[in-house]
Amino acid sequence: MPYPKGLRFSLAFILTLASALPSNAQGPASEEVRTGPAADYPIVLGEPFVVDGETFTPFDTMNYDEVGYSEQDGPGTIGVTGSHKTLPLPSYVEVTALNSGRTILLRLERRGPMRADRLLALSPAAMAQLDLQEGAPIRMRRVNPPEDDRALLRTGEAAPLRMTTPDGLLSSLRKRLPGMGASPPPNARQATSGGVVPAAGTIEPIDPETEAPAAGGLVNEPTVDVPLAGRIDGSIVENSLSVMMPERPTGFVVQIGAFSLVDNANRLADRVGGFVMRSGPFHLVRIGPFASREKAREALAKLRGQGYSDALIQNID
């Protein structure tokens, strides 16, 4: 049946207009699914906070390798995930059960545990994969796993087990454990900032392409570089941390040992979360700085309790 000329023009105009509209104008847009490395952003840190009277300052470092004690996260947590006080969220870590050597890959997604004497809180699925009980000793080491393993953890599945830790290394790691009920050895970075009790909104997203602000948010203040668990080669100090301090730094450090060989000093500094300074022919391993002698005494007591009987307090040089 032929259409009148005017009607034929109107139908053609409507069809042309409809074809020019964006596809989402014809129905709701499908939600974008983030895959690959983009699925791990934004990375979040947060402000310093206090747990059991101790200050914890979130910071981004790949050189994280600590031992301590575990606890189980809340029953609502899913997947092979965990809670940690300072590493960025999300991060990926290998967790080793120090009683068996069994090692898994885990995704950090929350802040915690809210006990100073616990290193890591694990989801029920992670506890089951490690075959751990509450308070079991663990090693936690930050890693950069392949994308296939990341994708499994993001979807709530378990990544393949890692290589079992040999008995010789397990024995060495157990010797580094703090006493039951004691906090892990203090990290030099943690002693430089005050904090508040964590609350909703204290963890803010950051742009992974920009440098994170200094802890405490201070600006336009004089700074001094303090090496953080630094390895030194001659007079070069790496891994230094710009810490907000007065122009004439004051305070105290705890000195653990003095070594003629720099490799020995670096190994001890890595173990206790300290730093290395050179003094004449010796390489000094220290922890701090601490704003008061009382804080330094607390660290000294913990270190001596862990077997470092020669540790002593010194003024900042």
Protein backbone atom coordinates (compact mmCIF):
# COMPACT_ATOMS: atom_id res chain seq x y z
CA MET A 1 0.00 0.00 0.00
CA PRO A 2 1.63 3.33 -1.00
CA TYR A 3 2.05 5.95 1.74
CA PRO A 4 1.39 9.65 1.15
CA LYS A 5 4.55 11.62 0.37
CA GLY A 6 4.48 13.58 3.65
CA LEU A 7 4.10 10.40 5.74
CA ARG A 8 6.97 8.68 3.90
CA PHE A 9 9.25 11.64 4.78
CA SER A 10 8.23 11.53 8.48
CA LEU A 11 8.93 7.79 8.80
CA ALA A 12 12.34 8.15 7.15
CA PHE A 13 13.25 11.05 9.48
CA ILE A 14 12.28 9.07 12.60
CA LEU A 15 14.30 6.02 11.54
CA THR A 16 17.34 8.17 10.77
CA LEU A 17 17.12 9.94 14.17
CA ALA A 18 16.81 6.64 16.06
CA SER A 19 19.89 5.20 14.39
CA ALA A 20 21.92 8.27 15.37
CA LEU A 21 21.11 8.02 19.10
CA PRO A 22 23.80 6.48 21.39
CA SER A 23 23.12 2.87 22.29
CA ASN A 24 22.60 3.65 26.00
CA ALA A 25 19.70 5.95 25.05
CA GLN A 26 17.77 2.82 24.03
CA GLY A 27 18.21 1.06 27.41
CA PRO A 28 20.34 1.02 30.59
CA ALA A 29 24.11 0.75 30.07
CA SER A 30 25.80 -2.42 31.26
CA GLU A 31 28.10 -1.93 34.27
CA GLU A 32 31.78 -1.76 33.36
CA VAL A 33 33.76 -4.73 34.64
CA ARG A 34 37.29 -3.78 35.68
CA THR A 35 39.90 -6.39 34.90
CA GLY A 36 43.67 -6.65 35.00
CA PRO A 37 45.79 -4.31 37.15
CA ALA A 38 43.05 -1.64 37.01
CA ALA A 39 40.90 -3.87 39.20
CA ASP A 40 43.33 -3.27 42.09
CA TYR A 41 42.84 0.53 42.05
CA PRO A 42 42.26 2.86 43.70
CA ILE A 43 44.89 1.98 46.30
CA VAL A 44 44.12 3.35 49.77
CA LEU A 45 46.33 4.19 52.73
CA GLY A 46 44.88 6.37 55.48
CA GLU A 47 45.81 8.47 58.48
CA PRO A 48 47.85 7.17 61.45
CA PHE A 49 45.72 5.45 64.10
CA VAL A 50 46.12 4.00 67.59
CA VAL A 51 45.57 0.41 68.70
CA ASP A 52 46.20 -0.57 72.34
CA GLY A 53 48.12 2.66 72.89
CA GLU A 54 50.46 2.11 69.90
CA THR A 55 50.46 4.28 66.79
CA PHE A 56 50.34 2.65 63.35
CA THR A 57 51.04 4.69 60.20
CA PRO A 58 49.93 3.17 56.87
CA PHE A 59 52.69 3.32 54.26
CA ASP A 60 53.54 1.82 50.89
CA THR A 61 56.61 -0.40 50.71
CA MET A 62 57.41 -3.56 48.78
CA ASN A 63 60.17 -4.53 51.25
CA TYR A 64 57.81 -5.87 53.91
CA ASP A 65 58.69 -9.18 55.57
CA GLU A 66 57.59 -9.72 59.17
CA VAL A 67 56.77 -12.52 61.59
CA GLY A 68 54.10 -12.45 64.28
CA TYR A 69 50.80 -14.00 65.32
CA SER A 70 47.54 -14.40 63.46
CA GLU A 71 43.90 -14.14 64.36
CA GLN A 72 40.69 -14.95 62.52
CA ASP A 73 38.83 -12.09 60.90
CA GLY A 74 35.10 -11.58 61.35
CA PRO A 75 32.71 -14.33 60.18
CA GLY A 76 31.35 -12.09 57.41
CA THR A 77 34.64 -11.88 55.54
CA ILE A 78 34.79 -13.87 52.32
CA GLY A 79 37.47 -15.15 49.99
CA VAL A 80 41.13 -15.66 50.80
CA THR A 81 41.60 -12.19 52.28
CA GLY A 82 43.10 -10.48 55.31
CA SER A 83 43.33 -7.36 57.47
CA HIS A 84 46.58 -5.48 58.11
CA LYS A 85 47.40 -2.24 59.90
CA THR A 86 49.84 -0.49 57.55
CA LEU A 87 50.19 -1.94 54.04
CA PRO A 88 48.17 -0.39 51.18
CA LEU A 89 44.71 -1.77 50.41
CA PRO A 90 44.65 -3.86 48.36
CA SER A 91 48.04 -5.58 48.61
CA TYR A 92 49.12 -9.14 47.98
CA VAL A 93 51.13 -11.10 50.53
CA GLU A 94 52.45 -14.60 50.99
CA VAL A 95 51.55 -15.97 54.42
CA THR A 96 53.47 -18.93 55.87
CA ALA A 97 52.34 -21.05 58.81
CA LEU A 98 55.50 -21.32 60.91
CA ASN A 99 54.36 -24.63 62.41
CA SER A 100 54.15 -26.40 59.04
CA GLY A 101 55.77 -24.28 56.32
CA ARG A 102 52.51 -24.24 54.35
CA THR A 103 52.34 -20.99 52.34
CA ILE A 104 49.43 -19.29 50.59
CA LEU A 105 48.80 -16.12 48.60
CA LEU A 106 46.37 -13.68 50.21
CA ARG A 107 44.77 -10.33 49.29
CA LEU A 108 44.74 -7.60 51.97
CA GLU A 109 41.42 -5.76 51.84
CA ARG A 110 40.79 -4.34 55.33
CA ARG A 111 42.43 -2.51 58.23
CA GLY A 112 43.12 -4.59 61.32
CA PRO A 113 43.57 -6.59 63.43
CA MET A 114 42.56 -4.24 66.25
CA ARG A 115 45.05 -5.79 68.68
CA ALA A 116 48.60 -4.50 68.77
CA ASP A 117 50.03 -7.99 69.42
CA ARG A 118 48.52 -9.50 66.25
CA LEU A 119 50.27 -9.12 62.90
CA LEU A 120 47.49 -10.21 60.57
CA ALA A 121 43.81 -11.16 60.65
CA LEU A 122 42.81 -13.85 58.16
CA SER A 123 39.42 -14.65 56.69
CA PRO A 124 37.96 -18.06 57.57
CA ALA A 125 38.82 -19.32 54.07
CA ALA A 126 42.45 -18.24 54.49
CA MET A 127 42.67 -19.86 57.94
CA ALA A 128 41.31 -23.08 56.47
CA GLN A 129 43.73 -23.04 53.53
CA LEU A 130 46.64 -22.62 55.96
CA ASP A 131 45.11 -25.08 58.47
CA LEU A 132 45.73 -22.55 61.28
CA GLN A 133 44.22 -21.96 64.69
CA GLU A 134 43.76 -18.60 66.42
CA GLY A 135 47.07 -17.11 67.57
CA ALA A 136 49.24 -19.33 65.36
CA PRO A 137 52.69 -17.95 64.40
CA ILE A 138 53.05 -16.77 60.80
CA ARG A 139 55.39 -15.05 58.41
CA MET A 140 53.92 -12.36 56.13
CA ARG A 141 55.81 -11.14 53.06
CA ARG A 142 54.53 -8.66 50.47
CA VAL A 143 54.79 -9.91 46.88
CA ASN A 144 53.83 -8.93 43.34
CA PRO A 145 52.03 -12.04 42.02
CA PRO A 146 51.03 -12.73 38.39
CA GLU A 147 47.70 -11.43 37.17
CA ASP A 148 46.17 -14.94 36.97
CA ASP A 149 46.59 -15.35 40.74
CA ARG A 150 45.33 -11.82 41.44
CA ALA A 151 42.21 -12.50 39.39
CA LEU A 152 41.43 -15.66 41.38
CA LEU A 153 41.67 -13.83 44.70
CA ARG A 154 39.57 -10.90 43.47
CA THR A 155 36.74 -13.29 42.58
CA GLY A 156 36.85 -15.04 45.97
CA GLU A 157 38.75 -18.14 44.84
CA ALA A 158 42.00 -19.46 46.26
CA ALA A 159 45.26 -19.11 44.36
CA PRO A 160 47.49 -22.22 44.10
CA LEU A 161 49.61 -22.99 47.14
CA ARG A 162 53.11 -21.53 47.12
CA MET A 163 56.27 -23.54 47.67
CA THR A 164 56.49 -25.02 51.16
CA THR A 165 59.06 -23.19 53.32
CA PRO A 166 62.01 -25.47 54.22
CA ASP A 167 62.64 -26.48 57.84
CA GLY A 168 65.92 -24.56 58.10
CA LEU A 169 64.27 -21.26 57.22
CA LEU A 170 61.28 -22.01 59.46
CA SER A 171 63.64 -22.47 62.41
CA SER A 172 65.29 -19.12 61.70
CA LEU A 173 61.94 -17.35 61.34
CA ARG A 174 60.64 -18.76 64.63
CA LYS A 175 63.60 -17.20 66.44
CA ARG A 176 62.42 -13.77 65.26
CA LEU A 177 58.96 -14.15 66.83
CA PRO A 178 58.08 -11.69 69.61
CA GLY A 179 56.93 -13.20 72.89
CA MET A 180 53.26 -14.17 73.09
CA GLY A 181 51.23 -11.08 73.94
CA ALA A 182 54.03 -8.72 72.84
CA SER A 183 53.77 -6.47 69.82
CA PRO A 184 56.02 -7.04 66.80
CA PRO A 185 59.34 -5.09 66.88
CA PRO A 186 58.73 -1.36 66.31
CA ASN A 187 59.24 -0.01 62.80
CA ALA A 188 61.23 3.23 62.53
CA ARG A 189 58.46 4.82 60.48
CA GLN A 190 55.82 4.14 63.12
CA ALA A 191 57.63 6.23 65.74
CA THR A 192 57.42 9.45 63.74
CA SER A 193 53.68 10.16 63.72
CA GLY A 194 50.87 10.62 66.17
CA GLY A 195 47.52 8.97 65.55
CA VAL A 196 43.87 8.70 66.36
CA VAL A 197 41.55 5.78 66.95
CA PRO A 198 40.46 4.54 63.48
CA ALA A 199 36.96 5.43 62.41
CA ALA A 200 34.89 5.41 59.25
CA GLY A 201 36.36 7.71 56.63
CA THR A 202 39.94 7.65 57.91
CA ILE A 203 41.09 5.62 54.90
CA GLU A 204 41.13 7.80 51.79
CA PRO A 205 41.82 6.76 48.16
CA ILE A 206 45.06 7.98 46.60
CA ASP A 207 46.12 8.30 42.98
CA PRO A 208 48.68 5.56 42.29
CA GLU A 209 50.43 7.84 39.79
CA THR A 210 51.23 10.51 42.40
CA GLU A 211 53.48 10.51 45.45
CA ALA A 212 51.74 9.85 48.76
CA PRO A 213 51.77 12.77 51.24
CA ALA A 214 54.09 12.57 54.24
CA ALA A 215 52.60 10.93 57.32
CA GLY A 216 50.61 13.37 59.41
CA GLY A 217 49.97 15.70 56.46
CA LEU A 218 52.58 18.28 57.50
CA VAL A 219 53.81 20.71 54.85
CA ASN A 220 56.44 23.43 54.61
CA GLU A 221 58.35 22.05 57.58
CA PRO A 222 62.09 21.41 57.70
CA THR A 223 62.95 17.76 57.13
CA VAL A 224 65.84 15.44 57.72
CA ASP A 225 66.44 12.12 55.97
CA VAL A 226 66.44 9.16 58.35
CA PRO A 227 67.32 5.79 56.78
CA LEU A 228 64.54 3.20 57.09
CA ALA A 229 65.85 -0.37 57.34
CA GLY A 230 68.53 1.05 55.06
CA ARG A 231 71.18 -0.87 53.24
CA ILE A 232 74.40 1.08 52.88
CA ASP A 233 77.19 0.73 50.39
CA GLY A 234 80.11 2.95 51.28
CA SER A 235 78.59 6.31 52.12
CA ILE A 236 75.37 5.77 50.13
CA VAL A 237 72.21 5.15 52.16
CA GLU A 238 69.18 3.75 50.34
CA ASN A 239 65.51 3.57 51.30
CA SER A 240 65.66 6.81 53.28
CA LEU A 241 62.46 8.24 54.68
CA SER A 242 61.84 11.97 54.84
CA VAL A 243 60.65 12.42 58.42
CA MET A 244 59.21 15.68 59.73
CA MET A 245 61.64 16.82 62.43
CA PRO A 246 62.92 20.13 63.81
CA GLU A 247 65.98 21.68 62.16
CA ARG A 248 68.07 20.45 65.09
CA PRO A 249 66.79 16.89 65.59
CA THR A 250 66.35 15.74 69.15
CA GLY A 251 65.24 12.48 70.69
CA PHE A 252 66.50 8.99 71.25
CA VAL A 253 67.32 5.79 69.39
CA VAL A 254 67.86 2.23 70.56
CA GLN A 255 71.15 0.80 69.32
CA ILE A 256 71.17 -2.98 68.90
CA GLY A 257 74.63 -3.68 67.59
CA ALA A 258 77.79 -2.48 65.82
CA PHE A 259 79.32 -4.44 62.96
CA SER A 260 82.47 -4.15 60.90
CA LEU A 261 80.76 -5.95 57.98
CA VAL A 262 77.89 -4.02 56.40
CA ASP A 263 76.07 -7.18 55.25
CA ASN A 264 75.74 -8.37 58.84
CA ALA A 265 74.36 -4.98 59.88
CA ASN A 266 71.86 -4.98 57.01
CA ARG A 267 70.59 -8.43 57.90
CA LEU A 268 69.90 -7.43 61.50
CA ALA A 269 68.28 -4.14 60.42
CA ASP A 270 65.94 -6.07 58.10
CA ARG A 271 65.05 -8.46 60.90
CA VAL A 272 64.10 -5.83 63.48
CA GLY A 273 62.76 -3.08 61.21
CA GLY A 274 65.65 -0.76 62.04
CA PHE A 275 68.20 1.24 60.07
CA VAL A 276 71.96 1.31 59.60
CA MET A 277 74.27 4.27 60.24
CA ARG A 278 78.00 4.37 59.67
CA SER A 279 80.33 5.56 62.44
CA GLY A 280 84.00 5.31 61.56
CA PRO A 281 84.80 1.68 60.73
CA PHE A 282 81.53 0.40 62.25
CA HIS A 283 77.98 0.03 60.95
CA LEU A 284 75.46 0.73 63.73
CA VAL A 285 72.01 -0.90 63.77
CA ARG A 286 69.41 1.33 65.40
CA ILE A 287 65.65 1.66 65.91
CA GLY A 288 63.83 4.96 66.24
CA PRO A 289 63.86 7.89 66.56
CA PHE A 290 61.70 8.24 69.68
CA ALA A 291 60.45 11.58 70.94
CA SER A 292 60.98 10.67 74.60
CA ARG A 293 63.28 8.44 76.65
CA GLU A 294 60.19 6.66 78.00
CA LYS A 295 59.21 5.52 74.48
CA ALA A 296 62.78 4.41 73.87
CA ARG A 297 62.73 2.42 77.15
CA GLU A 298 59.59 0.58 75.99
CA ALA A 299 61.32 -0.44 72.75
CA LEU A 300 64.46 -1.38 74.68
CA ALA A 301 62.50 -3.67 77.00
CA LYS A 302 60.89 -5.45 74.06
CA LEU A 303 64.21 -5.91 72.29
CA ARG A 304 65.94 -7.28 75.38
CA GLY A 305 62.99 -9.61 75.88
CA GLN A 306 63.67 -10.94 72.38
CA GLY A 307 67.29 -11.69 73.23
CA TYR A 308 69.08 -8.48 72.22
CA SER A 309 70.75 -8.12 75.61
CA ASP A 310 73.36 -5.59 74.39
CA ALA A 311 70.75 -3.08 73.18
CA LEU A 312 71.07 0.39 74.71
CA ILE A 313 69.49 3.85 74.46
CA GLN A 314 71.42 6.72 72.89
CA ASN A 315 70.70 10.36 72.14
CA ILE A 316 70.29 11.23 68.47
CA ASP A 317 73.72 12.28 67.20
